[in-house]
Amino acid sequence: MRGPKDIATGATLVEGYRPGILAEVVALHMEYYARHWSFGRSFEAKVAGDMAAFLDRLDPNRDLLLSVRDREGALLGSITIQAPRAGPGSDDEAAHLRWFIVGGAGRGCGLGRSLLEHALEACDARGYALTYLTTFEGLHAARHLYESLGFRLVATMSVDQWNGGVVEQRFERQKGAGPTQA
C-alpha cells in the first residue's frame, strides 16, 4: 500500500513521509500527554528527537510511516514501525511500534484500531517475527486495543524515559498473532 486508502468516512490512510509530519505528530502527542499526563518539555524533546532520527534513516522498504488525514488534509493520527536493525540476540531484532497517536477529532471511531491493524499487517507481510512497543501504566484503552490485537505485557519497568513520573510497560506480539476475544 503506497497511495492513499479510504479507511472511514472522510478519513484517508496515507503511507510514507510527507513534509511537516514530524511537527504534526509531535503536536498530537503534546495535545494529549500535556493535558492528561502533564508531560512537558523533556517529553516533547524526546519525541521530536527520536522521530527526527527515525525519519532521517527511514527505509520505505523496511520501515513504515502511516498517517490518517481528514478531507482537508489535517492529521488525525499516525503510527510507525521501525524495522529490526540488528542481528539475533539484540533487542533490535524486533520491529518497534512507535509514535502511535490519534488526536481528539479521530478518537472513538475506530481510526486507532485501523492504524494498528494496518501496521501489524505490514509487520507480518515483511516477516518480522516479533513486534514490540513501550508505553506506561494507566493508558487503559490503549492497553485493551494492544491486547485485543495479540500483544502481551512482558515487562514492567521503573525506568521513565518520558520524564512523566510513570511506570513503563513493554508489550510484545509474535508474527501472526491475531485478535483475541476481549
N, C-alpha and C. Protein backbone atom coordinates (compact mmCIF):
# COMPACT_ATOMS: atom_id res chain seq x y z
N MET A 1 0.86 -1.18 0.00
CA MET A 1 0.00 0.00 0.00
C MET A 1 0.89 1.23 0.00
N ARG A 2 0.93 1.96 -1.08
CA ARG A 2 1.73 3.16 -1.16
C ARG A 2 0.89 4.42 -1.28
N GLY A 3 -0.25 4.32 -1.92
CA GLY A 3 -1.09 5.50 -2.10
C GLY A 3 -2.13 5.63 -1.01
N PRO A 4 -2.90 6.71 -1.04
CA PRO A 4 -3.96 6.91 -0.04
C PRO A 4 -5.02 5.81 -0.13
N LYS A 5 -5.61 5.49 0.99
CA LYS A 5 -6.66 4.49 1.05
C LYS A 5 -7.72 4.98 2.02
N ASP A 6 -8.99 4.99 1.60
CA ASP A 6 -10.08 5.38 2.49
C ASP A 6 -10.26 4.31 3.56
N ILE A 7 -10.30 4.74 4.82
CA ILE A 7 -10.49 3.77 5.90
C ILE A 7 -11.75 4.07 6.71
N ALA A 8 -12.29 5.24 6.56
CA ALA A 8 -13.53 5.61 7.24
C ALA A 8 -14.08 6.82 6.49
N THR A 9 -15.33 7.11 6.72
CA THR A 9 -15.93 8.26 6.07
C THR A 9 -15.11 9.50 6.34
N GLY A 10 -14.58 10.06 5.28
CA GLY A 10 -13.82 11.29 5.40
C GLY A 10 -12.40 11.14 5.89
N ALA A 11 -11.93 9.91 6.11
CA ALA A 11 -10.56 9.70 6.57
C ALA A 11 -9.79 8.88 5.55
N THR A 12 -8.56 9.27 5.31
CA THR A 12 -7.72 8.59 4.34
C THR A 12 -6.42 8.17 5.00
N LEU A 13 -6.03 6.92 4.78
CA LEU A 13 -4.78 6.38 5.28
C LEU A 13 -3.70 6.64 4.23
N VAL A 14 -2.60 7.24 4.67
CA VAL A 14 -1.51 7.58 3.76
C VAL A 14 -0.23 6.94 4.27
N GLU A 15 0.49 6.27 3.38
CA GLU A 15 1.75 5.66 3.76
C GLU A 15 2.90 6.53 3.29
N GLY A 16 3.87 6.73 4.16
CA GLY A 16 5.10 7.40 3.79
C GLY A 16 5.24 8.81 4.34
N TYR A 17 6.40 9.34 4.09
CA TYR A 17 6.76 10.68 4.55
C TYR A 17 5.96 11.75 3.82
N ARG A 18 5.66 12.80 4.54
CA ARG A 18 5.02 13.99 4.00
C ARG A 18 5.64 15.19 4.73
N PRO A 19 6.06 16.23 4.02
CA PRO A 19 6.66 17.38 4.69
C PRO A 19 5.78 17.89 5.83
N GLY A 20 6.41 18.12 6.97
CA GLY A 20 5.71 18.62 8.14
C GLY A 20 5.19 17.55 9.08
N ILE A 21 5.33 16.27 8.71
CA ILE A 21 4.76 15.20 9.53
C ILE A 21 5.36 15.18 10.93
N LEU A 22 6.64 15.46 11.07
CA LEU A 22 7.27 15.46 12.38
C LEU A 22 6.57 16.43 13.33
N ALA A 23 6.39 17.66 12.89
CA ALA A 23 5.74 18.67 13.74
C ALA A 23 4.30 18.28 14.06
N GLU A 24 3.61 17.71 13.07
CA GLU A 24 2.21 17.32 13.29
C GLU A 24 2.10 16.20 14.32
N VAL A 25 2.97 15.20 14.23
CA VAL A 25 2.92 14.07 15.16
C VAL A 25 3.30 14.53 16.56
N VAL A 26 4.33 15.34 16.67
CA VAL A 26 4.72 15.87 17.98
C VAL A 26 3.57 16.68 18.58
N ALA A 27 2.91 17.49 17.76
CA ALA A 27 1.79 18.30 18.26
C ALA A 27 0.65 17.42 18.78
N LEU A 28 0.31 16.33 18.07
CA LEU A 28 -0.74 15.43 18.56
C LEU A 28 -0.34 14.81 19.90
N HIS A 29 0.92 14.40 20.01
CA HIS A 29 1.38 13.83 21.28
C HIS A 29 1.28 14.85 22.41
N MET A 30 1.71 16.06 22.14
CA MET A 30 1.69 17.08 23.20
C MET A 30 0.27 17.48 23.57
N GLU A 31 -0.63 17.55 22.60
CA GLU A 31 -2.02 17.89 22.90
C GLU A 31 -2.60 16.89 23.90
N TYR A 32 -2.28 15.63 23.73
CA TYR A 32 -2.83 14.61 24.63
C TYR A 32 -2.03 14.51 25.93
N TYR A 33 -0.73 14.29 25.82
CA TYR A 33 0.07 13.97 27.01
C TYR A 33 0.31 15.16 27.92
N ALA A 34 0.35 16.36 27.40
CA ALA A 34 0.48 17.53 28.28
C ALA A 34 -0.82 17.72 29.06
N ARG A 35 -1.95 17.58 28.40
CA ARG A 35 -3.24 17.79 29.05
C ARG A 35 -3.56 16.69 30.07
N HIS A 36 -3.37 15.44 29.68
CA HIS A 36 -3.82 14.33 30.52
C HIS A 36 -2.75 13.78 31.46
N TRP A 37 -1.48 14.01 31.17
CA TRP A 37 -0.41 13.43 31.97
C TRP A 37 0.63 14.47 32.43
N SER A 38 0.43 15.72 32.09
CA SER A 38 1.33 16.81 32.47
C SER A 38 2.76 16.62 31.96
N PHE A 39 2.90 15.93 30.84
CA PHE A 39 4.22 15.79 30.22
C PHE A 39 4.58 17.14 29.61
N GLY A 40 5.85 17.50 29.68
CA GLY A 40 6.28 18.80 29.19
C GLY A 40 7.46 18.75 28.25
N ARG A 41 8.35 19.70 28.47
CA ARG A 41 9.47 19.95 27.57
C ARG A 41 10.33 18.71 27.31
N SER A 42 10.67 17.95 28.34
CA SER A 42 11.52 16.76 28.16
C SER A 42 10.85 15.74 27.25
N PHE A 43 9.55 15.52 27.47
CA PHE A 43 8.81 14.57 26.64
C PHE A 43 8.77 15.05 25.19
N GLU A 44 8.45 16.32 24.99
CA GLU A 44 8.38 16.86 23.63
C GLU A 44 9.72 16.72 22.92
N ALA A 45 10.80 17.05 23.62
CA ALA A 45 12.14 16.96 23.02
C ALA A 45 12.49 15.51 22.67
N LYS A 46 12.10 14.57 23.54
CA LYS A 46 12.38 13.16 23.27
C LYS A 46 11.62 12.66 22.06
N VAL A 47 10.31 12.96 22.01
CA VAL A 47 9.51 12.52 20.86
C VAL A 47 10.07 13.13 19.57
N ALA A 48 10.33 14.43 19.59
CA ALA A 48 10.83 15.11 18.38
C ALA A 48 12.20 14.58 17.97
N GLY A 49 13.10 14.43 18.92
CA GLY A 49 14.45 13.97 18.59
C GLY A 49 14.47 12.54 18.08
N ASP A 50 13.76 11.65 18.77
CA ASP A 50 13.73 10.24 18.34
C ASP A 50 13.05 10.09 16.98
N MET A 51 11.96 10.81 16.77
CA MET A 51 11.26 10.68 15.50
C MET A 51 12.07 11.32 14.37
N ALA A 52 12.78 12.40 14.65
CA ALA A 52 13.64 13.03 13.63
C ALA A 52 14.73 12.04 13.20
N ALA A 53 15.32 11.33 14.15
CA ALA A 53 16.34 10.34 13.82
C ALA A 53 15.74 9.21 12.97
N PHE A 54 14.54 8.79 13.32
CA PHE A 54 13.84 7.76 12.53
C PHE A 54 13.61 8.24 11.10
N LEU A 55 13.10 9.46 10.95
CA LEU A 55 12.83 9.99 9.61
C LEU A 55 14.10 10.14 8.78
N ASP A 56 15.20 10.48 9.44
CA ASP A 56 16.47 10.67 8.75
C ASP A 56 16.96 9.38 8.11
N ARG A 57 16.65 8.24 8.72
CA ARG A 57 17.11 6.96 8.17
C ARG A 57 15.95 6.09 7.66
N LEU A 58 14.77 6.69 7.49
CA LEU A 58 13.58 5.96 7.05
C LEU A 58 13.85 5.18 5.76
N ASP A 59 13.61 3.88 5.82
CA ASP A 59 13.74 3.00 4.66
C ASP A 59 12.34 2.50 4.32
N PRO A 60 11.70 3.06 3.27
CA PRO A 60 10.31 2.69 2.95
C PRO A 60 10.10 1.20 2.66
N ASN A 61 11.17 0.48 2.35
CA ASN A 61 11.04 -0.95 2.09
C ASN A 61 11.05 -1.77 3.38
N ARG A 62 11.50 -1.17 4.48
CA ARG A 62 11.58 -1.90 5.75
C ARG A 62 10.76 -1.25 6.85
N ASP A 63 10.86 0.07 6.96
CA ASP A 63 10.14 0.82 7.98
C ASP A 63 8.75 1.18 7.46
N LEU A 64 7.92 1.68 8.34
CA LEU A 64 6.56 2.08 7.95
C LEU A 64 6.17 3.35 8.67
N LEU A 65 5.64 4.29 7.93
CA LEU A 65 5.08 5.52 8.49
C LEU A 65 3.69 5.66 7.90
N LEU A 66 2.68 5.55 8.76
CA LEU A 66 1.28 5.69 8.33
C LEU A 66 0.67 6.91 9.01
N SER A 67 -0.15 7.61 8.27
CA SER A 67 -0.91 8.70 8.86
C SER A 67 -2.35 8.61 8.37
N VAL A 68 -3.25 9.15 9.17
CA VAL A 68 -4.66 9.24 8.78
C VAL A 68 -4.98 10.72 8.71
N ARG A 69 -5.59 11.12 7.60
CA ARG A 69 -5.90 12.52 7.36
C ARG A 69 -7.38 12.70 7.08
N ASP A 70 -7.90 13.86 7.49
CA ASP A 70 -9.29 14.15 7.18
C ASP A 70 -9.40 14.72 5.76
N ARG A 71 -10.60 15.08 5.36
CA ARG A 71 -10.82 15.57 3.98
C ARG A 71 -9.99 16.80 3.64
N GLU A 72 -9.70 17.62 4.64
CA GLU A 72 -8.92 18.84 4.41
C GLU A 72 -7.41 18.59 4.52
N GLY A 73 -7.03 17.36 4.84
CA GLY A 73 -5.62 17.02 4.95
C GLY A 73 -5.04 17.13 6.35
N ALA A 74 -5.85 17.47 7.34
CA ALA A 74 -5.36 17.58 8.71
C ALA A 74 -5.05 16.19 9.27
N LEU A 75 -3.98 16.10 10.04
CA LEU A 75 -3.58 14.84 10.63
C LEU A 75 -4.54 14.45 11.75
N LEU A 76 -5.09 13.25 11.65
CA LEU A 76 -5.97 12.69 12.69
C LEU A 76 -5.22 11.71 13.58
N GLY A 77 -4.21 11.05 13.00
CA GLY A 77 -3.45 10.07 13.76
C GLY A 77 -2.27 9.55 12.97
N SER A 78 -1.38 8.84 13.67
CA SER A 78 -0.21 8.27 13.00
C SER A 78 0.30 7.07 13.78
N ILE A 79 1.13 6.28 13.10
CA ILE A 79 1.81 5.14 13.69
C ILE A 79 3.04 4.87 12.85
N THR A 80 4.10 4.38 13.48
CA THR A 80 5.28 3.98 12.73
C THR A 80 5.72 2.60 13.18
N ILE A 81 6.42 1.93 12.28
CA ILE A 81 7.11 0.70 12.58
C ILE A 81 8.57 0.92 12.19
N GLN A 82 9.44 0.78 13.17
CA GLN A 82 10.87 0.85 12.91
C GLN A 82 11.33 -0.59 12.73
N ALA A 83 11.85 -0.90 11.56
CA ALA A 83 12.27 -2.26 11.24
C ALA A 83 13.40 -2.71 12.16
N PRO A 84 13.54 -4.02 12.33
CA PRO A 84 14.68 -4.53 13.10
C PRO A 84 15.98 -4.01 12.50
N ARG A 85 16.93 -3.65 13.35
CA ARG A 85 18.19 -3.05 12.89
C ARG A 85 19.41 -3.93 13.12
N ALA A 86 19.30 -4.93 13.97
CA ALA A 86 20.48 -5.73 14.32
C ALA A 86 20.14 -7.21 14.26
N GLY A 87 21.15 -8.01 14.49
CA GLY A 87 21.01 -9.46 14.39
C GLY A 87 20.45 -10.11 15.63
N PRO A 88 20.41 -11.45 15.62
CA PRO A 88 19.87 -12.24 16.72
C PRO A 88 20.54 -11.90 18.05
N GLY A 89 19.72 -11.95 19.09
CA GLY A 89 20.22 -11.68 20.43
C GLY A 89 20.13 -10.23 20.84
N SER A 90 19.88 -9.36 19.89
CA SER A 90 19.78 -7.93 20.17
C SER A 90 18.31 -7.56 20.29
N ASP A 91 18.01 -6.57 21.13
CA ASP A 91 16.64 -6.06 21.23
C ASP A 91 16.21 -5.50 19.87
N ASP A 92 17.19 -5.14 19.05
CA ASP A 92 16.90 -4.55 17.75
C ASP A 92 16.53 -5.58 16.69
N GLU A 93 16.42 -6.87 17.06
CA GLU A 93 15.98 -7.85 16.06
C GLU A 93 14.46 -7.85 15.92
N ALA A 94 13.78 -7.09 16.76
CA ALA A 94 12.32 -6.98 16.72
C ALA A 94 11.93 -5.65 16.09
N ALA A 95 10.77 -5.64 15.45
CA ALA A 95 10.22 -4.39 14.93
C ALA A 95 9.67 -3.58 16.10
N HIS A 96 9.85 -2.27 16.04
CA HIS A 96 9.45 -1.40 17.15
C HIS A 96 8.30 -0.52 16.69
N LEU A 97 7.14 -0.70 17.29
CA LEU A 97 5.97 0.14 17.03
C LEU A 97 6.16 1.42 17.84
N ARG A 98 6.06 2.57 17.16
CA ARG A 98 6.34 3.85 17.83
C ARG A 98 5.37 4.94 17.36
N TRP A 99 5.27 5.96 18.16
CA TRP A 99 4.53 7.19 17.86
C TRP A 99 3.11 6.94 17.36
N PHE A 100 2.45 6.05 18.07
CA PHE A 100 1.05 5.72 17.77
C PHE A 100 0.18 6.71 18.53
N ILE A 101 -0.56 7.50 17.79
CA ILE A 101 -1.39 8.54 18.42
C ILE A 101 -2.60 8.82 17.52
N VAL A 102 -3.73 9.04 18.14
CA VAL A 102 -4.92 9.51 17.44
C VAL A 102 -5.39 10.75 18.18
N GLY A 103 -5.53 11.85 17.46
CA GLY A 103 -5.96 13.11 18.06
C GLY A 103 -7.44 13.09 18.41
N GLY A 104 -7.85 14.08 19.17
CA GLY A 104 -9.22 14.16 19.66
C GLY A 104 -10.28 14.02 18.58
N ALA A 105 -10.07 14.62 17.41
CA ALA A 105 -11.06 14.56 16.33
C ALA A 105 -11.22 13.16 15.76
N GLY A 106 -10.22 12.29 15.99
CA GLY A 106 -10.28 10.94 15.43
C GLY A 106 -10.55 9.85 16.44
N ARG A 107 -10.68 10.20 17.70
CA ARG A 107 -10.88 9.19 18.74
C ARG A 107 -12.32 8.68 18.76
N GLY A 108 -12.43 7.40 19.10
CA GLY A 108 -13.74 6.82 19.32
C GLY A 108 -14.46 6.35 18.07
N CYS A 109 -13.79 6.37 16.92
CA CYS A 109 -14.47 5.94 15.69
C CYS A 109 -13.71 4.84 14.96
N GLY A 110 -12.78 4.19 15.65
CA GLY A 110 -12.08 3.05 15.06
C GLY A 110 -10.82 3.38 14.29
N LEU A 111 -10.42 4.65 14.24
CA LEU A 111 -9.21 5.00 13.49
C LEU A 111 -7.96 4.40 14.13
N GLY A 112 -7.89 4.40 15.45
CA GLY A 112 -6.73 3.82 16.11
C GLY A 112 -6.59 2.34 15.81
N ARG A 113 -7.70 1.62 15.91
CA ARG A 113 -7.68 0.18 15.58
C ARG A 113 -7.26 -0.02 14.13
N SER A 114 -7.79 0.76 13.23
CA SER A 114 -7.44 0.62 11.82
C SER A 114 -5.96 0.88 11.57
N LEU A 115 -5.43 1.94 12.18
CA LEU A 115 -4.00 2.23 12.05
C LEU A 115 -3.15 1.07 12.56
N LEU A 116 -3.49 0.58 13.75
CA LEU A 116 -2.72 -0.50 14.34
C LEU A 116 -2.84 -1.78 13.52
N GLU A 117 -4.02 -2.10 13.04
CA GLU A 117 -4.19 -3.29 12.21
C GLU A 117 -3.35 -3.20 10.93
N HIS A 118 -3.36 -2.04 10.27
CA HIS A 118 -2.56 -1.87 9.06
C HIS A 118 -1.07 -2.03 9.36
N ALA A 119 -0.62 -1.46 10.46
CA ALA A 119 0.79 -1.57 10.83
C ALA A 119 1.18 -3.02 11.11
N LEU A 120 0.33 -3.75 11.81
CA LEU A 120 0.64 -5.14 12.13
C LEU A 120 0.59 -6.03 10.90
N GLU A 121 -0.32 -5.75 9.98
CA GLU A 121 -0.35 -6.48 8.71
C GLU A 121 0.95 -6.29 7.96
N ALA A 122 1.48 -5.07 7.99
CA ALA A 122 2.76 -4.78 7.33
C ALA A 122 3.89 -5.54 8.01
N CYS A 123 3.89 -5.58 9.33
CA CYS A 123 4.92 -6.34 10.06
C CYS A 123 4.89 -7.80 9.66
N ASP A 124 3.71 -8.39 9.63
CA ASP A 124 3.59 -9.80 9.26
C ASP A 124 4.01 -10.02 7.81
N ALA A 125 3.59 -9.14 6.91
CA ALA A 125 3.93 -9.28 5.49
C ALA A 125 5.44 -9.16 5.27
N ARG A 126 6.11 -8.37 6.08
CA ARG A 126 7.55 -8.18 5.94
C ARG A 126 8.34 -9.24 6.70
N GLY A 127 7.63 -10.14 7.37
CA GLY A 127 8.28 -11.26 8.03
C GLY A 127 8.90 -10.95 9.37
N TYR A 128 8.50 -9.87 10.03
CA TYR A 128 9.05 -9.55 11.34
C TYR A 128 8.46 -10.50 12.37
N ALA A 129 9.32 -11.31 12.97
CA ALA A 129 8.86 -12.35 13.89
C ALA A 129 8.27 -11.78 15.17
N LEU A 130 8.75 -10.59 15.59
CA LEU A 130 8.32 -10.01 16.84
C LEU A 130 8.17 -8.50 16.65
N THR A 131 7.09 -7.96 17.19
CA THR A 131 6.87 -6.52 17.22
C THR A 131 6.67 -6.13 18.68
N TYR A 132 7.32 -5.05 19.10
CA TYR A 132 7.16 -4.62 20.48
C TYR A 132 6.86 -3.13 20.53
N LEU A 133 6.35 -2.71 21.68
CA LEU A 133 6.11 -1.30 21.94
C LEU A 133 6.36 -1.05 23.41
N THR A 134 6.70 0.19 23.74
CA THR A 134 6.78 0.59 25.13
C THR A 134 5.73 1.66 25.36
N THR A 135 5.12 1.58 26.52
CA THR A 135 4.08 2.51 26.91
C THR A 135 4.16 2.65 28.42
N PHE A 136 3.10 3.08 29.05
CA PHE A 136 3.12 3.17 30.51
C PHE A 136 1.77 2.83 31.10
N GLU A 137 1.79 2.49 32.39
CA GLU A 137 0.57 2.13 33.10
C GLU A 137 -0.41 3.30 33.09
N GLY A 138 -1.69 2.97 32.98
CA GLY A 138 -2.72 3.99 33.07
C GLY A 138 -3.40 4.31 31.76
N LEU A 139 -2.85 3.84 30.64
CA LEU A 139 -3.48 4.07 29.33
C LEU A 139 -4.35 2.85 29.03
N HIS A 140 -5.47 2.76 29.74
CA HIS A 140 -6.30 1.55 29.72
C HIS A 140 -6.90 1.24 28.36
N ALA A 141 -7.40 2.23 27.65
CA ALA A 141 -7.99 1.98 26.32
C ALA A 141 -6.93 1.49 25.35
N ALA A 142 -5.74 2.09 25.40
CA ALA A 142 -4.65 1.65 24.53
C ALA A 142 -4.26 0.21 24.85
N ARG A 143 -4.13 -0.10 26.14
CA ARG A 143 -3.75 -1.46 26.52
C ARG A 143 -4.79 -2.46 26.02
N HIS A 144 -6.06 -2.14 26.18
CA HIS A 144 -7.12 -3.04 25.69
C HIS A 144 -6.97 -3.26 24.18
N LEU A 145 -6.71 -2.21 23.44
CA LEU A 145 -6.52 -2.33 21.99
C LEU A 145 -5.32 -3.21 21.67
N TYR A 146 -4.18 -2.97 22.32
CA TYR A 146 -2.99 -3.78 22.06
C TYR A 146 -3.27 -5.25 22.33
N GLU A 147 -3.85 -5.53 23.47
CA GLU A 147 -4.10 -6.93 23.83
C GLU A 147 -5.13 -7.57 22.90
N SER A 148 -6.10 -6.81 22.42
CA SER A 148 -7.11 -7.37 21.51
C SER A 148 -6.51 -7.74 20.16
N LEU A 149 -5.32 -7.20 19.85
CA LEU A 149 -4.67 -7.50 18.57
C LEU A 149 -3.43 -8.36 18.74
N GLY A 150 -3.33 -9.05 19.88
CA GLY A 150 -2.29 -10.06 20.05
C GLY A 150 -1.08 -9.66 20.86
N PHE A 151 -1.00 -8.44 21.36
CA PHE A 151 0.12 -8.04 22.20
C PHE A 151 -0.06 -8.60 23.61
N ARG A 152 1.06 -8.89 24.27
CA ARG A 152 1.05 -9.36 25.64
C ARG A 152 2.04 -8.52 26.45
N LEU A 153 1.65 -8.16 27.65
CA LEU A 153 2.55 -7.45 28.56
C LEU A 153 3.66 -8.41 28.97
N VAL A 154 4.94 -8.01 28.74
CA VAL A 154 6.06 -8.89 29.08
C VAL A 154 6.97 -8.29 30.15
N ALA A 155 6.86 -6.99 30.40
CA ALA A 155 7.73 -6.38 31.41
C ALA A 155 7.13 -5.07 31.90
N THR A 156 7.37 -4.80 33.17
CA THR A 156 7.05 -3.51 33.78
C THR A 156 8.35 -2.99 34.37
N MET A 157 8.67 -1.73 34.09
CA MET A 157 9.96 -1.17 34.48
C MET A 157 9.78 0.14 35.24
N SER A 158 10.66 0.38 36.18
CA SER A 158 10.61 1.64 36.91
C SER A 158 11.32 2.76 36.15
N VAL A 159 11.95 2.44 35.03
CA VAL A 159 12.58 3.45 34.18
C VAL A 159 11.49 4.33 33.59
N ASP A 160 11.76 5.62 33.48
CA ASP A 160 10.77 6.56 32.94
C ASP A 160 11.43 7.40 31.86
N GLN A 161 11.54 6.85 30.66
CA GLN A 161 12.22 7.55 29.58
C GLN A 161 11.51 8.84 29.16
N TRP A 162 10.24 8.99 29.52
CA TRP A 162 9.48 10.17 29.10
C TRP A 162 9.46 11.27 30.16
N ASN A 163 10.07 11.03 31.29
CA ASN A 163 10.13 12.03 32.37
C ASN A 163 8.75 12.51 32.79
N GLY A 164 7.82 11.57 32.88
CA GLY A 164 6.46 11.94 33.25
C GLY A 164 6.00 11.32 34.57
N GLY A 165 6.92 10.69 35.30
CA GLY A 165 6.55 10.08 36.56
C GLY A 165 5.66 8.86 36.40
N VAL A 166 5.90 8.06 35.38
CA VAL A 166 5.05 6.91 35.07
C VAL A 166 5.85 5.62 35.19
N VAL A 167 5.14 4.50 35.23
CA VAL A 167 5.75 3.17 35.24
C VAL A 167 5.63 2.61 33.82
N GLU A 168 6.77 2.34 33.22
CA GLU A 168 6.77 1.87 31.84
C GLU A 168 6.40 0.40 31.72
N GLN A 169 5.87 0.08 30.54
CA GLN A 169 5.49 -1.29 30.22
C GLN A 169 6.01 -1.63 28.83
N ARG A 170 6.34 -2.90 28.65
CA ARG A 170 6.72 -3.39 27.33
C ARG A 170 5.72 -4.47 26.92
N PHE A 171 5.17 -4.31 25.73
CA PHE A 171 4.25 -5.27 25.14
C PHE A 171 4.90 -5.86 23.91
N GLU A 172 4.66 -7.16 23.68
CA GLU A 172 5.20 -7.84 22.50
C GLU A 172 4.10 -8.63 21.81
N ARG A 173 4.29 -8.76 20.50
CA ARG A 173 3.35 -9.53 19.67
C ARG A 173 4.16 -10.40 18.72
N GLN A 174 3.87 -11.69 18.70
CA GLN A 174 4.51 -12.61 17.78
C GLN A 174 3.86 -12.48 16.40
N LYS A 175 4.63 -12.70 15.35
CA LYS A 175 4.11 -12.65 13.99
C LYS A 175 2.87 -13.52 13.88
N GLY A 176 1.82 -12.97 13.26
CA GLY A 176 0.61 -13.72 13.02
C GLY A 176 -0.36 -13.77 14.18
N ALA A 177 0.04 -13.23 15.34
CA ALA A 177 -0.88 -13.24 16.48
C ALA A 177 -2.09 -12.38 16.12
N GLY A 178 -3.25 -12.94 16.21
CA GLY A 178 -4.44 -12.24 15.77
C GLY A 178 -5.26 -11.68 16.91
N PRO A 179 -6.42 -11.18 16.55
CA PRO A 179 -7.31 -10.62 17.56
C PRO A 179 -7.70 -11.68 18.60
N THR A 180 -7.88 -11.19 19.81
CA THR A 180 -8.32 -12.07 20.88
C THR A 180 -9.73 -11.67 21.27
N GLN A 181 -10.40 -12.55 21.95
CA GLN A 181 -11.72 -12.24 22.46
C GLN A 181 -11.55 -11.51 23.78
N ALA A 182 -11.75 -10.21 23.78
CA ALA A 182 -11.54 -9.43 25.00
C ALA A 182 -12.84 -8.94 25.55
